[in-house]
Amino acid sequence: MSLRKNMTLEILNQLENKIQHTVNTITTLQNEIATLKHGNQELEQLINDSSDEMKALREENEKLKQDQQVWQQRIQTLLTKIGEITQ
């Protein structure tokens, strides 16, 4: 009986060790998942910020192009007037 009891206790100890190892592995994986989720959230925010910044830059670029066109028209008008005066 004692041999059987020792074997049963040994098997239970091994099972307990395996369960503890599994719990530790699950905890480690959960921590890694949480870290990765946090990293993903930071990257998503960076993408959103970059997208907003790009949109603002495109709008500013378009406005500058329009301003340039207006100035070119004004300069052309002035050059035409100067040309008329010198004729």
Protein backbone atom coordinates (compact mmCIF):
# COMPACT_ATOMS: atom_id res chain seq x y z
CA MET A 1 0.00 0.00 0.00
CA SER A 2 2.80 2.40 0.85
CA LEU A 3 4.38 1.97 -2.62
CA ARG A 4 1.04 2.68 -4.27
CA LYS A 5 0.50 5.73 -2.05
CA ASN A 6 4.00 7.04 -2.89
CA MET A 7 3.37 6.55 -6.61
CA THR A 8 0.04 8.34 -6.35
CA LEU A 9 1.64 11.24 -4.46
CA GLU A 10 4.45 11.41 -7.02
CA ILE A 11 1.95 11.46 -9.89
CA LEU A 12 -0.06 14.17 -8.12
CA ASN A 13 3.12 16.20 -7.55
CA GLN A 14 4.04 15.88 -11.24
CA LEU A 15 0.53 16.89 -12.24
CA GLU A 16 0.66 19.87 -9.87
CA ASN A 17 4.02 20.93 -11.36
CA LYS A 18 2.65 20.65 -14.89
CA ILE A 19 -0.44 22.64 -13.94
CA GLN A 20 1.70 25.33 -12.30
CA HIS A 21 3.94 25.48 -15.38
CA THR A 22 0.86 25.80 -17.59
CA VAL A 23 -0.56 28.58 -15.40
CA ASN A 24 2.78 30.40 -15.55
CA THR A 25 2.91 30.04 -19.33
CA ILE A 26 -0.66 31.33 -19.68
CA THR A 27 0.13 34.31 -17.44
CA THR A 28 3.24 35.10 -19.47
CA LEU A 29 1.29 34.88 -22.73
CA GLN A 30 -1.47 37.09 -21.33
CA ASN A 31 1.13 39.69 -20.38
CA GLU A 32 2.66 39.51 -23.87
CA ILE A 33 -0.79 39.90 -25.43
CA ALA A 34 -1.50 42.95 -23.26
CA THR A 35 1.85 44.47 -24.26
CA LEU A 36 1.18 43.81 -27.95
CA LYS A 37 -2.33 45.27 -27.70
CA HIS A 38 -0.90 48.41 -26.10
CA GLY A 39 1.73 48.62 -28.83
CA ASN A 40 -0.96 48.22 -31.49
CA GLN A 41 -3.02 51.00 -29.93
CA GLU A 42 0.00 53.30 -29.97
CA LEU A 43 0.67 52.44 -33.62
CA GLU A 44 -2.97 53.02 -34.56
CA GLN A 45 -2.85 56.42 -32.86
CA LEU A 46 0.37 57.24 -34.70
CA ILE A 47 -1.24 56.24 -38.00
CA ASN A 48 -4.30 58.38 -37.25
CA ASP A 49 -2.13 61.34 -36.26
CA SER A 50 -0.02 60.94 -39.39
CA SER A 51 -3.12 60.67 -41.54
CA ASP A 52 -4.54 63.86 -40.03
CA GLU A 53 -1.23 65.63 -40.49
CA MET A 54 -1.00 64.46 -44.11
CA LYS A 55 -4.53 65.70 -44.77
CA ALA A 56 -3.66 69.10 -43.28
CA LEU A 57 -0.48 69.28 -45.37
CA ARG A 58 -2.38 68.43 -48.54
CA GLU A 59 -4.93 71.15 -47.78
CA GLU A 60 -2.15 73.64 -47.09
CA ASN A 61 -0.38 72.62 -50.30
CA GLU A 62 -3.57 73.13 -52.30
CA LYS A 63 -4.07 76.57 -50.75
CA LEU A 64 -0.47 77.52 -51.53
CA LYS A 65 -0.94 76.41 -55.13
CA GLN A 66 -4.05 78.57 -55.37
CA ASP A 67 -2.20 81.51 -53.81
CA GLN A 68 0.64 81.02 -56.28
CA GLN A 69 -1.80 81.04 -59.18
CA VAL A 70 -3.38 84.28 -57.92
CA TRP A 71 0.05 85.90 -57.60
CA GLN A 72 1.04 84.72 -61.07
CA GLN A 73 -2.12 86.27 -62.49
CA ARG A 74 -1.42 89.54 -60.65
CA ILE A 75 2.16 89.62 -61.89
CA GLN A 76 1.01 88.87 -65.43
CA THR A 77 -1.52 91.70 -65.18
CA LEU A 78 1.17 94.10 -63.93
CA LEU A 79 3.58 93.02 -66.69
CA THR A 80 0.86 93.60 -69.28
CA LYS A 81 0.19 97.09 -67.85
CA ILE A 82 3.93 97.86 -67.86
CA GLY A 83 4.12 96.64 -71.44
CA GLU A 84 1.25 98.93 -72.41
CA ILE A 85 2.95 101.92 -70.79
CA THR A 86 6.25 101.34 -72.59
CA GLN A 87 4.63 101.06 -76.02
